Amino acid sequence: MSKIKFIKLTFIFTLTLGLISCNQEIKSNNQTAKSIEKTDTIIVKQKNDLNKSYEVGFLSKSYSYYWLAGHDTLDFSVNAIEYEKDSTLHLSINHKNSMIVTKALTKINECLPHIKEDFYLTKLNSLYFREPIYYFDLVKELSTEYEKQFGRKNISYEKLNQFLLKSNLNKQLDNFVSPLDKKIRKYSIEKFHLMGKKYFGEYLTNVDLTEYPEFAMDGMGIEIQLENEKFQTSHHRKARKR
């Protein structure tokens, strides 16, 4: 199994595990949960039980972070996992409803100080977002640019990576990871394909699709692989010398 698919399976499994565990903790007011008050909401940290995962021996730790308002869990969570082998940190976000990319990045940024208490942000290796269709601003912009360049034909994963590296999404994410001394190395959308507008309603409920484009990029979420900015600079210098 490839490393990318391995990480994808880990994200899906740990997100499900985290959601189940968090609901149980909220009901029982487990004292191991840590809450940080922020205006009228709190961020709740939940440690995931690795013994319940088939990844036992591969992951060193896993936490999920949830936004709560009163007794209600808000529609956003961040899952963080650390691999035993290289101590790399991987973050994935989960939400059921559509939102804009800037809001998602703001939420992650709110959570970083709390994640920093449990992990080394210097080891951040990847970010994982939901499918493009869940981000209205993103899907509208990407669909327009995609059609200009490729029409409505599927492209290779290599071309897809190059397309996303030149997109406005890359600029937004680069501004987000740059303060962490990180650079974007690669994008990937597993099982990438184009989806017609008539199918949008199967994913987005209670959403006015009038302003949505006629098609969207689809697949099993967007993975952004990162590398250290200093490493990339050093690597480029060596390449120029050669």
C-alpha atoms as a PDB file:
ATOM      1  CA  MET A   1       0.000   0.000   0.000  1.00  0.00           C
ATOM      2  CA  SER A   2       1.387   3.451  -0.906  1.00  0.00           C
ATOM      3  CA  LYS A   3       2.203   5.955   1.844  1.00  0.00           C
ATOM      4  CA  ILE A   4      -0.493   8.371   0.574  1.00  0.00           C
ATOM      5  CA  LYS A   5      -3.226   5.711   0.694  1.00  0.00           C
ATOM      6  CA  PHE A   6      -1.898   4.579   4.086  1.00  0.00           C
ATOM      7  CA  ILE A   7      -2.271   8.117   5.471  1.00  0.00           C
ATOM      8  CA  LYS A   8      -5.760   8.460   3.918  1.00  0.00           C
ATOM      9  CA  LEU A   9      -6.979   5.283   5.646  1.00  0.00           C
ATOM     10  CA  THR A  10      -5.467   6.480   8.907  1.00  0.00           C
ATOM     11  CA  PHE A  11      -7.238   9.852   8.664  1.00  0.00           C
ATOM     12  CA  ILE A  12     -10.629   8.294   7.900  1.00  0.00           C
ATOM     13  CA  PHE A  13     -10.343   5.744  10.719  1.00  0.00           C
ATOM     14  CA  THR A  14      -9.036   8.136  13.357  1.00  0.00           C
ATOM     15  CA  LEU A  15     -11.629  10.791  12.481  1.00  0.00           C
ATOM     16  CA  THR A  16     -14.418   8.245  13.024  1.00  0.00           C
ATOM     17  CA  LEU A  17     -12.818   7.030  16.239  1.00  0.00           C
ATOM     18  CA  GLY A  18     -12.376  10.597  17.458  1.00  0.00           C
ATOM     19  CA  LEU A  19     -15.997  11.554  16.807  1.00  0.00           C
ATOM     20  CA  ILE A  20     -17.299   8.529  18.713  1.00  0.00           C
ATOM     21  CA  SER A  21     -14.910   9.056  21.606  1.00  0.00           C
ATOM     22  CA  CYS A  22     -15.666  12.787  21.837  1.00  0.00           C
ATOM     23  CA  ASN A  23     -19.416  12.233  22.083  1.00  0.00           C
ATOM     24  CA  GLN A  24     -18.871   9.768  24.909  1.00  0.00           C
ATOM     25  CA  GLU A  25     -16.570  12.192  26.742  1.00  0.00           C
ATOM     26  CA  ILE A  26     -18.956  15.125  26.496  1.00  0.00           C
ATOM     27  CA  LYS A  27     -21.752  13.065  28.048  1.00  0.00           C
ATOM     28  CA  SER A  28     -19.623  11.756  30.896  1.00  0.00           C
ATOM     29  CA  ASN A  29     -17.713  15.024  31.540  1.00  0.00           C
ATOM     30  CA  ASN A  30     -14.474  13.044  31.552  1.00  0.00           C
ATOM     31  CA  GLN A  31     -11.844  15.010  33.471  1.00  0.00           C
ATOM     32  CA  THR A  32      -9.089  14.077  31.022  1.00  0.00           C
ATOM     33  CA  ALA A  33     -10.561  16.411  28.410  1.00  0.00           C
ATOM     34  CA  LYS A  34      -8.959  19.847  28.317  1.00  0.00           C
ATOM     35  CA  SER A  35     -11.105  22.889  27.541  1.00  0.00           C
ATOM     36  CA  ILE A  36      -9.786  26.278  26.539  1.00  0.00           C
ATOM     37  CA  GLU A  37     -12.342  29.079  26.737  1.00  0.00           C
ATOM     38  CA  LYS A  38     -12.625  31.332  23.675  1.00  0.00           C
ATOM     39  CA  THR A  39     -15.390  33.979  23.582  1.00  0.00           C
ATOM     40  CA  ASP A  40     -18.681  32.031  23.704  1.00  0.00           C
ATOM     41  CA  THR A  41     -17.178  28.727  22.539  1.00  0.00           C
ATOM     42  CA  ILE A  42     -14.557  26.329  23.864  1.00  0.00           C
ATOM     43  CA  ILE A  43     -12.097  24.003  22.177  1.00  0.00           C
ATOM     44  CA  VAL A  44     -12.172  20.520  23.655  1.00  0.00           C
ATOM     45  CA  LYS A  45      -9.201  18.207  23.315  1.00  0.00           C
ATOM     46  CA  GLN A  46      -9.863  14.473  23.148  1.00  0.00           C
ATOM     47  CA  LYS A  47      -7.102  11.871  23.320  1.00  0.00           C
ATOM     48  CA  ASN A  48      -7.876   8.965  21.007  1.00  0.00           C
ATOM     49  CA  ASP A  49      -7.341   5.417  22.215  1.00  0.00           C
ATOM     50  CA  LEU A  50      -4.772   3.843  19.893  1.00  0.00           C
ATOM     51  CA  ASN A  51      -5.484   0.381  21.280  1.00  0.00           C
ATOM     52  CA  LYS A  52      -8.790   0.455  19.408  1.00  0.00           C
ATOM     53  CA  SER A  53      -7.035   1.155  16.117  1.00  0.00           C
ATOM     54  CA  TYR A  54      -5.562  -1.314  13.645  1.00  0.00           C
ATOM     55  CA  GLU A  55      -2.679   1.200  13.493  1.00  0.00           C
ATOM     56  CA  VAL A  56      -1.316   0.012  16.843  1.00  0.00           C
ATOM     57  CA  GLY A  57       2.471   0.198  16.606  1.00  0.00           C
ATOM     58  CA  PHE A  58       2.414   2.766  13.784  1.00  0.00           C
ATOM     59  CA  LEU A  59       1.000   5.795  15.585  1.00  0.00           C
ATOM     60  CA  SER A  60       2.591   7.251  18.706  1.00  0.00           C
ATOM     61  CA  LYS A  61      -0.411   9.435  19.610  1.00  0.00           C
ATOM     62  CA  SER A  62      -3.621  10.921  18.270  1.00  0.00           C
ATOM     63  CA  TYR A  63      -5.793  13.809  19.470  1.00  0.00           C
ATOM     64  CA  SER A  64      -8.995  15.370  18.185  1.00  0.00           C
ATOM     65  CA  TYR A  65      -9.976  18.994  18.814  1.00  0.00           C
ATOM     66  CA  TYR A  66     -13.611  20.107  18.762  1.00  0.00           C
ATOM     67  CA  TRP A  67     -15.404  23.447  18.985  1.00  0.00           C
ATOM     68  CA  LEU A  68     -18.271  23.495  21.482  1.00  0.00           C
ATOM     69  CA  ALA A  69     -20.980  26.080  22.141  1.00  0.00           C
ATOM     70  CA  GLY A  70     -22.737  25.219  25.366  1.00  0.00           C
ATOM     71  CA  HIS A  71     -23.434  21.497  25.131  1.00  0.00           C
ATOM     72  CA  ASP A  72     -23.472  21.447  21.312  1.00  0.00           C
ATOM     73  CA  THR A  73     -20.596  20.271  19.154  1.00  0.00           C
ATOM     74  CA  LEU A  74     -20.039  22.706  16.294  1.00  0.00           C
ATOM     75  CA  ASP A  75     -19.565  21.511  12.734  1.00  0.00           C
ATOM     76  CA  PHE A  76     -15.772  21.565  12.692  1.00  0.00           C
ATOM     77  CA  SER A  77     -12.989  19.443  14.132  1.00  0.00           C
ATOM     78  CA  VAL A  78      -9.252  18.965  13.690  1.00  0.00           C
ATOM     79  CA  ASN A  79      -7.647  15.559  14.012  1.00  0.00           C
ATOM     80  CA  ALA A  80      -3.919  15.277  14.698  1.00  0.00           C
ATOM     81  CA  ILE A  81      -1.830  12.111  14.465  1.00  0.00           C
ATOM     82  CA  GLU A  82       1.859  11.461  15.003  1.00  0.00           C
ATOM     83  CA  TYR A  83       3.708   8.544  13.432  1.00  0.00           C
ATOM     84  CA  GLU A  84       5.961   6.422  15.612  1.00  0.00           C
ATOM     85  CA  LYS A  85       8.618   5.904  12.938  1.00  0.00           C
ATOM     86  CA  ASP A  86       9.525   9.509  12.129  1.00  0.00           C
ATOM     87  CA  SER A  87       7.416  11.590  14.568  1.00  0.00           C
ATOM     88  CA  THR A  88       5.781  13.432  11.654  1.00  0.00           C
ATOM     89  CA  LEU A  89       2.553  15.292  12.404  1.00  0.00           C
ATOM     90  CA  HIS A  90      -0.488  15.104  10.128  1.00  0.00           C
ATOM     91  CA  LEU A  91      -3.595  17.280  10.483  1.00  0.00           C
ATOM     92  CA  SER A  92      -6.982  16.634   8.936  1.00  0.00           C
ATOM     93  CA  ILE A  93     -10.195  18.624   9.252  1.00  0.00           C
ATOM     94  CA  ASN A  94     -13.752  17.409   9.222  1.00  0.00           C
ATOM     95  CA  HIS A  95     -17.078  19.213   8.749  1.00  0.00           C
ATOM     96  CA  LYS A  96     -20.422  18.179   7.259  1.00  0.00           C
ATOM     97  CA  ASN A  97     -21.540  21.503   5.795  1.00  0.00           C
ATOM     98  CA  SER A  98     -19.872  23.659   3.155  1.00  0.00           C
ATOM     99  CA  MET A  99     -17.693  26.610   4.145  1.00  0.00           C
ATOM    100  CA  ILE A 100     -15.080  28.885   2.615  1.00  0.00           C
ATOM    101  CA  VAL A 101     -11.388  28.061   2.679  1.00  0.00           C
ATOM    102  CA  THR A 102     -10.402  31.178   4.632  1.00  0.00           C
ATOM    103  CA  LYS A 103     -12.762  30.207   7.456  1.00  0.00           C
ATOM    104  CA  ALA A 104     -11.323  26.690   7.566  1.00  0.00           C
ATOM    105  CA  LEU A 105      -7.783  28.075   7.774  1.00  0.00           C
ATOM    106  CA  THR A 106      -8.830  30.502  10.512  1.00  0.00           C
ATOM    107  CA  LYS A 107     -10.260  27.630  12.531  1.00  0.00           C
ATOM    108  CA  ILE A 108      -7.074  25.576  12.171  1.00  0.00           C
ATOM    109  CA  ASN A 109      -5.029  28.596  13.178  1.00  0.00           C
ATOM    110  CA  GLU A 110      -7.158  28.978  16.333  1.00  0.00           C
ATOM    111  CA  CYS A 111      -6.353  25.385  17.182  1.00  0.00           C
ATOM    112  CA  LEU A 112      -2.579  25.490  16.590  1.00  0.00           C
ATOM    113  CA  PRO A 113      -1.650  26.784  20.087  1.00  0.00           C
ATOM    114  CA  HIS A 114      -3.492  23.811  21.600  1.00  0.00           C
ATOM    115  CA  ILE A 115      -2.005  21.330  19.133  1.00  0.00           C
ATOM    116  CA  LYS A 116       1.414  22.742  19.992  1.00  0.00           C
ATOM    117  CA  GLU A 117       0.919  21.572  23.572  1.00  0.00           C
ATOM    118  CA  ASP A 118       0.806  17.961  22.389  1.00  0.00           C
ATOM    119  CA  PHE A 119       2.883  17.875  19.199  1.00  0.00           C
ATOM    120  CA  TYR A 120       5.897  19.498  17.567  1.00  0.00           C
ATOM    121  CA  LEU A 121       4.583  21.814  14.849  1.00  0.00           C
ATOM    122  CA  THR A 122       8.044  21.687  13.272  1.00  0.00           C
ATOM    123  CA  LYS A 123       7.195  18.087  12.355  1.00  0.00           C
ATOM    124  CA  LEU A 124       4.004  19.033  10.499  1.00  0.00           C
ATOM    125  CA  ASN A 125       4.087  16.960   7.325  1.00  0.00           C
ATOM    126  CA  SER A 126       0.634  17.179   5.754  1.00  0.00           C
ATOM    127  CA  LEU A 127      -2.807  18.792   5.809  1.00  0.00           C
ATOM    128  CA  TYR A 128      -5.969  17.055   4.722  1.00  0.00           C
ATOM    129  CA  PHE A 129      -9.148  18.863   3.638  1.00  0.00           C
ATOM    130  CA  ARG A 130     -12.508  17.641   2.434  1.00  0.00           C
ATOM    131  CA  GLU A 131     -13.400  17.465  -1.267  1.00  0.00           C
ATOM    132  CA  PRO A 132     -13.259  20.815  -3.148  1.00  0.00           C
ATOM    133  CA  ILE A 133     -17.067  20.891  -3.458  1.00  0.00           C
ATOM    134  CA  TYR A 134     -17.315  21.595   0.290  1.00  0.00           C
ATOM    135  CA  TYR A 135     -15.580  24.963  -0.170  1.00  0.00           C
ATOM    136  CA  PHE A 136     -17.744  27.251  -2.308  1.00  0.00           C
ATOM    137  CA  ASP A 137     -15.045  29.825  -3.080  1.00  0.00           C
ATOM    138  CA  LEU A 138     -12.550  27.113  -3.927  1.00  0.00           C
ATOM    139  CA  VAL A 139     -14.754  24.998  -6.182  1.00  0.00           C
ATOM    140  CA  LYS A 140     -15.998  28.051  -8.095  1.00  0.00           C
ATOM    141  CA  GLU A 141     -12.502  29.375  -8.737  1.00  0.00           C
ATOM    142  CA  LEU A 142     -10.880  26.029  -9.505  1.00  0.00           C
ATOM    143  CA  SER A 143     -13.640  24.968 -11.890  1.00  0.00           C
ATOM    144  CA  THR A 144     -13.274  28.173 -13.901  1.00  0.00           C
ATOM    145  CA  GLU A 145      -9.486  27.863 -14.177  1.00  0.00           C
ATOM    146  CA  TYR A 146      -9.664  24.140 -14.848  1.00  0.00           C
ATOM    147  CA  GLU A 147     -12.094  24.563 -17.753  1.00  0.00           C
ATOM    148  CA  LYS A 148      -9.899  27.260 -19.318  1.00  0.00           C
ATOM    149  CA  GLN A 149      -6.911  24.937 -19.331  1.00  0.00           C
ATOM    150  CA  PHE A 150      -8.332  21.446 -19.786  1.00  0.00           C
ATOM    151  CA  GLY A 151     -11.980  21.785 -20.752  1.00  0.00           C
ATOM    152  CA  ARG A 152     -13.976  19.110 -18.971  1.00  0.00           C
ATOM    153  CA  LYS A 153     -11.551  16.243 -19.409  1.00  0.00           C
ATOM    154  CA  ASN A 154      -9.887  14.337 -16.598  1.00  0.00           C
ATOM    155  CA  ILE A 155      -6.150  14.923 -16.312  1.00  0.00           C
ATOM    156  CA  SER A 156      -3.262  12.938 -14.846  1.00  0.00           C
ATOM    157  CA  TYR A 157      -2.290  13.243 -11.188  1.00  0.00           C
ATOM    158  CA  GLU A 158       0.941  14.925 -12.229  1.00  0.00           C
ATOM    159  CA  LYS A 159      -0.920  17.627 -14.175  1.00  0.00           C
ATOM    160  CA  LEU A 160      -3.386  17.975 -11.324  1.00  0.00           C
ATOM    161  CA  ASN A 161      -0.536  18.637  -8.901  1.00  0.00           C
ATOM    162  CA  GLN A 162       0.983  21.267 -11.187  1.00  0.00           C
ATOM    163  CA  PHE A 163      -2.425  22.890 -11.675  1.00  0.00           C
ATOM    164  CA  LEU A 164      -3.033  23.189  -7.928  1.00  0.00           C
ATOM    165  CA  LEU A 165       0.513  24.442  -7.258  1.00  0.00           C
ATOM    166  CA  LYS A 166      -0.254  27.405  -9.543  1.00  0.00           C
ATOM    167  CA  SER A 167      -3.754  28.038  -8.162  1.00  0.00           C
ATOM    168  CA  ASN A 168      -4.956  30.689  -5.746  1.00  0.00           C
ATOM    169  CA  LEU A 169      -5.504  27.881  -3.239  1.00  0.00           C
ATOM    170  CA  ASN A 170      -1.750  27.388  -3.169  1.00  0.00           C
ATOM    171  CA  LYS A 171      -1.241  31.081  -2.394  1.00  0.00           C
ATOM    172  CA  GLN A 172      -3.719  30.919   0.491  1.00  0.00           C
ATOM    173  CA  LEU A 173      -2.192  27.772   1.943  1.00  0.00           C
ATOM    174  CA  ASP A 174       1.335  29.061   1.443  1.00  0.00           C
ATOM    175  CA  ASN A 175       0.468  32.149   3.499  1.00  0.00           C
ATOM    176  CA  PHE A 176      -0.872  29.807   6.172  1.00  0.00           C
ATOM    177  CA  VAL A 177       2.107  27.419   6.415  1.00  0.00           C
ATOM    178  CA  SER A 178       4.877  29.964   5.797  1.00  0.00           C
ATOM    179  CA  PRO A 179       4.868  31.250   9.428  1.00  0.00           C
ATOM    180  CA  LEU A 180       5.477  27.622  10.418  1.00  0.00           C
ATOM    181  CA  ASP A 181       8.594  27.574   8.188  1.00  0.00           C
ATOM    182  CA  LYS A 182       6.863  25.162   5.836  1.00  0.00           C
ATOM    183  CA  LYS A 183       6.439  25.062   2.062  1.00  0.00           C
ATOM    184  CA  ILE A 184       3.953  23.118  -0.024  1.00  0.00           C
ATOM    185  CA  ARG A 185       5.600  20.209  -1.783  1.00  0.00           C
ATOM    186  CA  LYS A 186       2.737  18.374  -3.451  1.00  0.00           C
ATOM    187  CA  TYR A 187      -1.044  18.098  -3.827  1.00  0.00           C
ATOM    188  CA  SER A 188      -3.027  14.928  -4.314  1.00  0.00           C
ATOM    189  CA  ILE A 189      -6.708  14.018  -4.662  1.00  0.00           C
ATOM    190  CA  GLU A 190      -7.164  10.279  -4.500  1.00  0.00           C
ATOM    191  CA  LYS A 191      -9.636   8.906  -7.079  1.00  0.00           C
ATOM    192  CA  PHE A 192      -9.709  12.305  -8.788  1.00  0.00           C
ATOM    193  CA  HIS A 193     -12.484  12.916 -11.331  1.00  0.00           C
ATOM    194  CA  LEU A 194     -14.927  15.626 -12.420  1.00  0.00           C
ATOM    195  CA  MET A 195     -18.476  15.652 -11.055  1.00  0.00           C
ATOM    196  CA  GLY A 196     -21.461  17.271 -12.769  1.00  0.00           C
ATOM    197  CA  LYS A 197     -23.624  19.829 -10.952  1.00  0.00           C
ATOM    198  CA  LYS A 198     -26.663  17.519 -10.945  1.00  0.00           C
ATOM    199  CA  TYR A 199     -24.885  15.367  -8.347  1.00  0.00           C
ATOM    200  CA  PHE A 200     -23.954  18.208  -5.981  1.00  0.00           C
ATOM    201  CA  GLY A 201     -27.167  17.846  -4.001  1.00  0.00           C
ATOM    202  CA  GLU A 202     -26.145  14.347  -2.920  1.00  0.00           C
ATOM    203  CA  TYR A 203     -23.296  15.912  -0.922  1.00  0.00           C
ATOM    204  CA  LEU A 204     -24.512  19.413  -0.071  1.00  0.00           C
ATOM    205  CA  THR A 205     -27.879  19.515   1.693  1.00  0.00           C
ATOM    206  CA  ASN A 206     -29.887  22.687   2.351  1.00  0.00           C
ATOM    207  CA  VAL A 207     -27.578  24.657   0.054  1.00  0.00           C
ATOM    208  CA  ASP A 208     -28.631  26.970  -2.773  1.00  0.00           C
ATOM    209  CA  LEU A 209     -26.624  25.664  -5.721  1.00  0.00           C
ATOM    210  CA  THR A 210     -27.545  28.528  -8.051  1.00  0.00           C
ATOM    211  CA  GLU A 211     -24.115  30.171  -7.875  1.00  0.00           C
ATOM    212  CA  TYR A 212     -22.188  26.904  -8.066  1.00  0.00           C
ATOM    213  CA  PRO A 213     -20.326  26.007 -11.294  1.00  0.00           C
ATOM    214  CA  GLU A 214     -21.549  23.349 -13.721  1.00  0.00           C
ATOM    215  CA  PHE A 215     -18.940  20.839 -12.572  1.00  0.00           C
ATOM    216  CA  ALA A 216     -16.495  20.348  -9.730  1.00  0.00           C
ATOM    217  CA  MET A 217     -13.253  18.539  -9.040  1.00  0.00           C
ATOM    218  CA  ASP A 218     -13.997  15.528  -6.876  1.00  0.00           C
ATOM    219  CA  GLY A 219     -12.218  12.725  -5.065  1.00  0.00           C
ATOM    220  CA  MET A 220     -11.313  11.573  -1.563  1.00  0.00           C
ATOM    221  CA  GLY A 221     -10.362  14.967  -0.156  1.00  0.00           C
ATOM    222  CA  ILE A 222      -7.346  17.165  -0.797  1.00  0.00           C
ATOM    223  CA  GLU A 223      -4.018  16.210   0.735  1.00  0.00           C
ATOM    224  CA  ILE A 224      -1.275  18.841   0.923  1.00  0.00           C
ATOM    225  CA  GLN A 225       2.195  17.453   1.555  1.00  0.00           C
ATOM    226  CA  LEU A 226       4.630  19.842   3.208  1.00  0.00           C
ATOM    227  CA  GLU A 227       8.366  20.207   3.653  1.00  0.00           C
ATOM    228  CA  ASN A 228      10.591  22.477   5.691  1.00  0.00           C
ATOM    229  CA  GLU A 229      11.178  25.820   4.001  1.00  0.00           C
ATOM    230  CA  LYS A 230      14.888  25.759   4.907  1.00  0.00           C
ATOM    231  CA  PHE A 231      15.243  22.283   3.446  1.00  0.00           C
ATOM    232  CA  GLN A 232      13.614  23.348   0.197  1.00  0.00           C
ATOM    233  CA  THR A 233      15.848  26.421  -0.078  1.00  0.00           C
ATOM    234  CA  SER A 234      18.955  24.327   0.574  1.00  0.00           C
ATOM    235  CA  HIS A 235      17.806  21.716  -1.920  1.00  0.00           C
ATOM    236  CA  HIS A 236      17.293  24.342  -4.633  1.00  0.00           C
ATOM    237  CA  ARG A 237      20.723  25.828  -3.988  1.00  0.00           C
ATOM    238  CA  LYS A 238      22.358  22.441  -4.408  1.00  0.00           C
ATOM    239  CA  ALA A 239      20.390  21.855  -7.606  1.00  0.00           C
ATOM    240  CA  ARG A 240      21.610  25.158  -9.064  1.00  0.00           C
ATOM    241  CA  LYS A 241      25.225  24.301  -8.219  1.00  0.00           C
ATOM    242  CA  ARG A 242      24.909  21.070 -10.149  1.00  0.00           C
END
